[in-house]
Amino acid sequence: MAKRISLREFQESLVRRLTEAQTGDRRTLLGFQAGEENWLVELTDSGEVLPVPPLSPVPLTRPWFGGIANVRGTLYGVVDFSAFQQGAPIAPAGHARLLLIGAKHGVNSALLVSRALGLRSREDYDTDPGAPDPRPWVAERLRDHQNRLWLKLDTPKLLAHPGFLNAGIE
């Protein structure tokens, strides 16, 4: 169930966001954790982040396909983002969240992630000097000021990847 906020809280939040926009605080990335990896996605490519609703299983699908979620009358295919990348499966409880992606690209897809880590600014990261990641949906490897590795998600490449699109068992 959605959390209700008072009109006063909404107005204060709106004033704070407008002030941040005017002062140049450009938090254009959303941070999330999937398994053991930290990820960043452009806000323009992400949708809503919400607690995991009940998932309807789909038979004859790959283990990383979590099922179908009904979000306000719209059905989303749910992909366990960690398991999709051969990581440990994410339990759809506790801190786990659904990150709705793909609506901008005409795909009703949601990523099951371990936890949402909040809004981030590109200025908080430096390019990682290591070798590029072999996964085509990794746009960039970054390091934060605590030297933690972050991977930037290329949403269009993920949504177009044949492995991501083929959730059925052959």
C-alpha atoms as a PDB file:
ATOM      1  CA  MET A   1       0.000   0.000   0.000  1.00  0.00           C
ATOM      2  CA  ALA A   2       1.295   3.445  -0.880  1.00  0.00           C
ATOM      3  CA  LYS A   3       2.490   5.658   1.924  1.00  0.00           C
ATOM      4  CA  ARG A   4       0.323   8.701   2.470  1.00  0.00           C
ATOM      5  CA  ILE A   5       1.987  12.037   3.055  1.00  0.00           C
ATOM      6  CA  SER A   6       0.484  15.251   4.267  1.00  0.00           C
ATOM      7  CA  LEU A   7       0.052  18.281   2.064  1.00  0.00           C
ATOM      8  CA  ARG A   8       2.650  20.078   4.177  1.00  0.00           C
ATOM      9  CA  GLU A   9       5.249  17.309   3.622  1.00  0.00           C
ATOM     10  CA  PHE A  10       4.511  17.362  -0.105  1.00  0.00           C
ATOM     11  CA  GLN A  11       4.930  21.138  -0.290  1.00  0.00           C
ATOM     12  CA  GLU A  12       8.190  21.034   1.681  1.00  0.00           C
ATOM     13  CA  SER A  13       9.510  18.296  -0.590  1.00  0.00           C
ATOM     14  CA  LEU A  14       8.507  20.264  -3.674  1.00  0.00           C
ATOM     15  CA  VAL A  15      10.196  23.443  -2.406  1.00  0.00           C
ATOM     16  CA  ARG A  16      13.370  21.472  -1.603  1.00  0.00           C
ATOM     17  CA  ARG A  17      13.453  19.890  -5.083  1.00  0.00           C
ATOM     18  CA  LEU A  18      12.858  23.230  -6.802  1.00  0.00           C
ATOM     19  CA  THR A  19      15.641  24.824  -4.761  1.00  0.00           C
ATOM     20  CA  GLU A  20      18.016  21.977  -5.640  1.00  0.00           C
ATOM     21  CA  ALA A  21      17.147  22.372  -9.322  1.00  0.00           C
ATOM     22  CA  GLN A  22      17.940  26.089  -9.179  1.00  0.00           C
ATOM     23  CA  THR A  23      21.209  25.646  -7.282  1.00  0.00           C
ATOM     24  CA  GLY A  24      22.565  23.179  -9.817  1.00  0.00           C
ATOM     25  CA  ASP A  25      22.362  19.982  -7.743  1.00  0.00           C
ATOM     26  CA  ARG A  26      21.876  17.625 -10.677  1.00  0.00           C
ATOM     27  CA  ARG A  27      21.060  14.209  -9.326  1.00  0.00           C
ATOM     28  CA  THR A  28      20.318  12.496 -12.610  1.00  0.00           C
ATOM     29  CA  LEU A  29      21.210   8.936 -11.644  1.00  0.00           C
ATOM     30  CA  LEU A  30      19.397   6.361  -9.550  1.00  0.00           C
ATOM     31  CA  GLY A  31      21.577   3.990  -7.557  1.00  0.00           C
ATOM     32  CA  PHE A  32      20.540   0.428  -6.817  1.00  0.00           C
ATOM     33  CA  GLN A  33      22.097  -2.822  -5.716  1.00  0.00           C
ATOM     34  CA  ALA A  34      21.536  -6.116  -7.510  1.00  0.00           C
ATOM     35  CA  GLY A  35      23.156  -8.988  -5.679  1.00  0.00           C
ATOM     36  CA  GLU A  36      26.712  -7.909  -4.879  1.00  0.00           C
ATOM     37  CA  GLU A  37      26.922  -5.199  -7.553  1.00  0.00           C
ATOM     38  CA  ASN A  38      26.167  -1.488  -7.321  1.00  0.00           C
ATOM     39  CA  TRP A  39      24.416  -0.005 -10.350  1.00  0.00           C
ATOM     40  CA  LEU A  40      23.474   3.416 -11.663  1.00  0.00           C
ATOM     41  CA  VAL A  41      20.723   4.156 -14.169  1.00  0.00           C
ATOM     42  CA  GLU A  42      19.772   7.452 -15.766  1.00  0.00           C
ATOM     43  CA  LEU A  43      16.557   8.807 -14.282  1.00  0.00           C
ATOM     44  CA  THR A  44      15.258   9.359 -17.797  1.00  0.00           C
ATOM     45  CA  ASP A  45      15.577   5.597 -18.439  1.00  0.00           C
ATOM     46  CA  SER A  46      14.125   4.497 -15.145  1.00  0.00           C
ATOM     47  CA  GLY A  47      10.594   4.537 -13.960  1.00  0.00           C
ATOM     48  CA  GLU A  48       9.114   4.031 -10.578  1.00  0.00           C
ATOM     49  CA  VAL A  49      10.787   2.180  -7.711  1.00  0.00           C
ATOM     50  CA  LEU A  50       8.320   0.306  -5.543  1.00  0.00           C
ATOM     51  CA  PRO A  51       8.086  -2.474  -2.975  1.00  0.00           C
ATOM     52  CA  VAL A  52       7.707  -5.854  -4.605  1.00  0.00           C
ATOM     53  CA  PRO A  53       4.030  -6.638  -5.201  1.00  0.00           C
ATOM     54  CA  PRO A  54       2.789 -10.218  -5.441  1.00  0.00           C
ATOM     55  CA  LEU A  55       4.356 -11.913  -8.448  1.00  0.00           C
ATOM     56  CA  SER A  56       2.446 -14.379 -10.615  1.00  0.00           C
ATOM     57  CA  PRO A  57       4.761 -17.182 -11.714  1.00  0.00           C
ATOM     58  CA  VAL A  58       5.000 -18.028 -15.399  1.00  0.00           C
ATOM     59  CA  PRO A  59       5.649 -21.673 -16.278  1.00  0.00           C
ATOM     60  CA  LEU A  60       8.376 -22.708 -18.703  1.00  0.00           C
ATOM     61  CA  THR A  61      10.513 -19.634 -18.131  1.00  0.00           C
ATOM     62  CA  ARG A  62      14.128 -19.269 -17.174  1.00  0.00           C
ATOM     63  CA  PRO A  63      14.990 -19.224 -13.447  1.00  0.00           C
ATOM     64  CA  TRP A  64      15.807 -15.495 -13.563  1.00  0.00           C
ATOM     65  CA  PHE A  65      12.316 -14.581 -14.793  1.00  0.00           C
ATOM     66  CA  GLY A  66      10.467 -13.745 -11.588  1.00  0.00           C
ATOM     67  CA  GLY A  67       6.989 -13.665 -13.060  1.00  0.00           C
ATOM     68  CA  ILE A  68       4.401 -11.034 -13.831  1.00  0.00           C
ATOM     69  CA  ALA A  69       3.569  -8.079 -11.576  1.00  0.00           C
ATOM     70  CA  ASN A  70       0.382  -6.066 -11.774  1.00  0.00           C
ATOM     71  CA  VAL A  71       1.199  -2.420 -11.060  1.00  0.00           C
ATOM     72  CA  ARG A  72      -1.962  -0.303 -11.067  1.00  0.00           C
ATOM     73  CA  GLY A  73      -3.528  -2.391 -13.821  1.00  0.00           C
ATOM     74  CA  THR A  74      -0.440  -2.630 -16.038  1.00  0.00           C
ATOM     75  CA  LEU A  75       1.398  -5.939 -16.302  1.00  0.00           C
ATOM     76  CA  TYR A  76       5.197  -5.999 -16.075  1.00  0.00           C
ATOM     77  CA  GLY A  77       7.546  -8.878 -16.746  1.00  0.00           C
ATOM     78  CA  VAL A  78       9.867  -9.124 -13.735  1.00  0.00           C
ATOM     79  CA  VAL A  79      13.521 -10.068 -14.189  1.00  0.00           C
ATOM     80  CA  ASP A  80      15.693 -10.923 -11.190  1.00  0.00           C
ATOM     81  CA  PHE A  81      18.584  -8.705 -12.287  1.00  0.00           C
ATOM     82  CA  SER A  82      21.172 -10.514 -10.178  1.00  0.00           C
ATOM     83  CA  ALA A  83      20.125 -14.018 -11.286  1.00  0.00           C
ATOM     84  CA  PHE A  84      19.958 -12.842 -14.917  1.00  0.00           C
ATOM     85  CA  GLN A  85      23.687 -12.104 -14.638  1.00  0.00           C
ATOM     86  CA  GLN A  86      24.461 -15.470 -12.988  1.00  0.00           C
ATOM     87  CA  GLY A  87      24.455 -13.948  -9.491  1.00  0.00           C
ATOM     88  CA  ALA A  88      22.566 -15.101  -6.429  1.00  0.00           C
ATOM     89  CA  PRO A  89      18.774 -14.866  -6.750  1.00  0.00           C
ATOM     90  CA  ILE A  90      17.095 -11.972  -4.964  1.00  0.00           C
ATOM     91  CA  ALA A  91      14.316 -12.788  -2.513  1.00  0.00           C
ATOM     92  CA  PRO A  92      11.295 -10.566  -3.302  1.00  0.00           C
ATOM     93  CA  ALA A  93      10.987  -9.375   0.299  1.00  0.00           C
ATOM     94  CA  GLY A  94      12.652  -7.055   2.789  1.00  0.00           C
ATOM     95  CA  HIS A  95      14.669  -4.318   1.097  1.00  0.00           C
ATOM     96  CA  ALA A  96      14.090  -5.749  -2.396  1.00  0.00           C
ATOM     97  CA  ARG A  97      12.407  -3.400  -4.846  1.00  0.00           C
ATOM     98  CA  LEU A  98      11.000  -3.402  -8.349  1.00  0.00           C
ATOM     99  CA  LEU A  99      12.567  -0.887 -10.689  1.00  0.00           C
ATOM    100  CA  LEU A 100      10.213  -0.264 -13.573  1.00  0.00           C
ATOM    101  CA  ILE A 101      12.237   0.218 -16.722  1.00  0.00           C
ATOM    102  CA  GLY A 102      11.454   0.248 -20.365  1.00  0.00           C
ATOM    103  CA  ALA A 103       8.182   2.210 -20.420  1.00  0.00           C
ATOM    104  CA  LYS A 104      10.018   4.967 -22.299  1.00  0.00           C
ATOM    105  CA  HIS A 105      11.152   2.319 -24.782  1.00  0.00           C
ATOM    106  CA  GLY A 106       7.769   0.612 -25.136  1.00  0.00           C
ATOM    107  CA  VAL A 107       8.598  -2.420 -22.967  1.00  0.00           C
ATOM    108  CA  ASN A 108       6.772  -3.211 -19.733  1.00  0.00           C
ATOM    109  CA  SER A 109       9.689  -4.659 -17.839  1.00  0.00           C
ATOM    110  CA  ALA A 110      10.725  -4.471 -14.213  1.00  0.00           C
ATOM    111  CA  LEU A 111      14.010  -5.367 -12.573  1.00  0.00           C
ATOM    112  CA  LEU A 112      13.943  -7.074  -9.204  1.00  0.00           C
ATOM    113  CA  VAL A 113      16.810  -5.437  -7.318  1.00  0.00           C
ATOM    114  CA  SER A 114      18.228  -6.024  -3.842  1.00  0.00           C
ATOM    115  CA  ARG A 115      17.680  -2.439  -2.727  1.00  0.00           C
ATOM    116  CA  ALA A 116      17.324   1.099  -4.001  1.00  0.00           C
ATOM    117  CA  LEU A 117      20.249   3.335  -3.033  1.00  0.00           C
ATOM    118  CA  GLY A 118      18.814   6.749  -3.883  1.00  0.00           C
ATOM    119  CA  LEU A 119      19.551   9.577  -6.259  1.00  0.00           C
ATOM    120  CA  ARG A 120      23.136  10.235  -7.263  1.00  0.00           C
ATOM    121  CA  SER A 121      25.110  12.831  -9.170  1.00  0.00           C
ATOM    122  CA  ARG A 122      27.553  11.966 -11.962  1.00  0.00           C
ATOM    123  CA  GLU A 123      30.054  14.323 -10.349  1.00  0.00           C
ATOM    124  CA  ASP A 124      30.350  11.890  -7.418  1.00  0.00           C
ATOM    125  CA  TYR A 125      32.080   9.302  -9.619  1.00  0.00           C
ATOM    126  CA  ASP A 126      35.282   8.864 -11.573  1.00  0.00           C
ATOM    127  CA  THR A 127      35.771   6.552 -14.538  1.00  0.00           C
ATOM    128  CA  ASP A 128      37.243   3.211 -13.496  1.00  0.00           C
ATOM    129  CA  PRO A 129      40.614   2.651 -15.228  1.00  0.00           C
ATOM    130  CA  GLY A 130      40.117  -1.142 -15.374  1.00  0.00           C
ATOM    131  CA  ALA A 131      39.151  -3.221 -18.375  1.00  0.00           C
ATOM    132  CA  PRO A 132      35.697  -2.622 -19.825  1.00  0.00           C
ATOM    133  CA  ASP A 133      32.913  -4.915 -18.676  1.00  0.00           C
ATOM    134  CA  PRO A 134      32.034  -7.610 -21.242  1.00  0.00           C
ATOM    135  CA  ARG A 135      28.283  -7.280 -20.678  1.00  0.00           C
ATOM    136  CA  PRO A 136      26.822  -5.086 -23.445  1.00  0.00           C
ATOM    137  CA  TRP A 137      24.342  -3.406 -21.070  1.00  0.00           C
ATOM    138  CA  VAL A 138      27.166  -2.001 -18.937  1.00  0.00           C
ATOM    139  CA  ALA A 139      27.713   1.482 -20.353  1.00  0.00           C
ATOM    140  CA  GLU A 140      30.493   2.474 -17.988  1.00  0.00           C
ATOM    141  CA  ARG A 141      32.468   1.358 -14.938  1.00  0.00           C
ATOM    142  CA  LEU A 142      32.756   4.042 -12.268  1.00  0.00           C
ATOM    143  CA  ARG A 143      34.324   4.468  -8.831  1.00  0.00           C
ATOM    144  CA  ASP A 144      32.878   6.547  -6.021  1.00  0.00           C
ATOM    145  CA  HIS A 145      34.938   8.491  -3.470  1.00  0.00           C
ATOM    146  CA  GLN A 146      35.103   5.392  -1.232  1.00  0.00           C
ATOM    147  CA  ASN A 147      36.634   3.462  -4.178  1.00  0.00           C
ATOM    148  CA  ARG A 148      33.536   1.261  -4.605  1.00  0.00           C
ATOM    149  CA  LEU A 149      32.821   0.010  -8.106  1.00  0.00           C
ATOM    150  CA  TRP A 150      29.562   1.079  -9.761  1.00  0.00           C
ATOM    151  CA  LEU A 151      28.236  -0.069 -13.110  1.00  0.00           C
ATOM    152  CA  LYS A 152      26.162   2.261 -15.255  1.00  0.00           C
ATOM    153  CA  LEU A 153      23.228   0.527 -16.910  1.00  0.00           C
ATOM    154  CA  ASP A 154      22.545   1.109 -20.602  1.00  0.00           C
ATOM    155  CA  THR A 155      18.806   0.440 -20.497  1.00  0.00           C
ATOM    156  CA  PRO A 156      18.171   0.353 -24.281  1.00  0.00           C
ATOM    157  CA  LYS A 157      20.953  -2.208 -24.759  1.00  0.00           C
ATOM    158  CA  LEU A 158      19.606  -4.370 -21.923  1.00  0.00           C
ATOM    159  CA  LEU A 159      16.073  -4.236 -23.278  1.00  0.00           C
ATOM    160  CA  ALA A 160      17.280  -5.131 -26.789  1.00  0.00           C
ATOM    161  CA  HIS A 161      19.620  -7.944 -25.724  1.00  0.00           C
ATOM    162  CA  PRO A 162      18.410 -11.329 -27.072  1.00  0.00           C
ATOM    163  CA  GLY A 163      19.188 -13.042 -23.758  1.00  0.00           C
ATOM    164  CA  PHE A 164      17.027 -10.561 -21.862  1.00  0.00           C
ATOM    165  CA  LEU A 165      14.161 -10.848 -24.330  1.00  0.00           C
ATOM    166  CA  ASN A 166      14.148 -14.648 -24.350  1.00  0.00           C
ATOM    167  CA  ALA A 167      12.753 -15.597 -20.962  1.00  0.00           C
ATOM    168  CA  GLY A 168      11.158 -18.808 -22.233  1.00  0.00           C
ATOM    169  CA  ILE A 169      12.814 -22.197 -21.911  1.00  0.00           C
ATOM    170  CA  GLU A 170      13.556 -23.640 -25.306  1.00  0.00           C
END
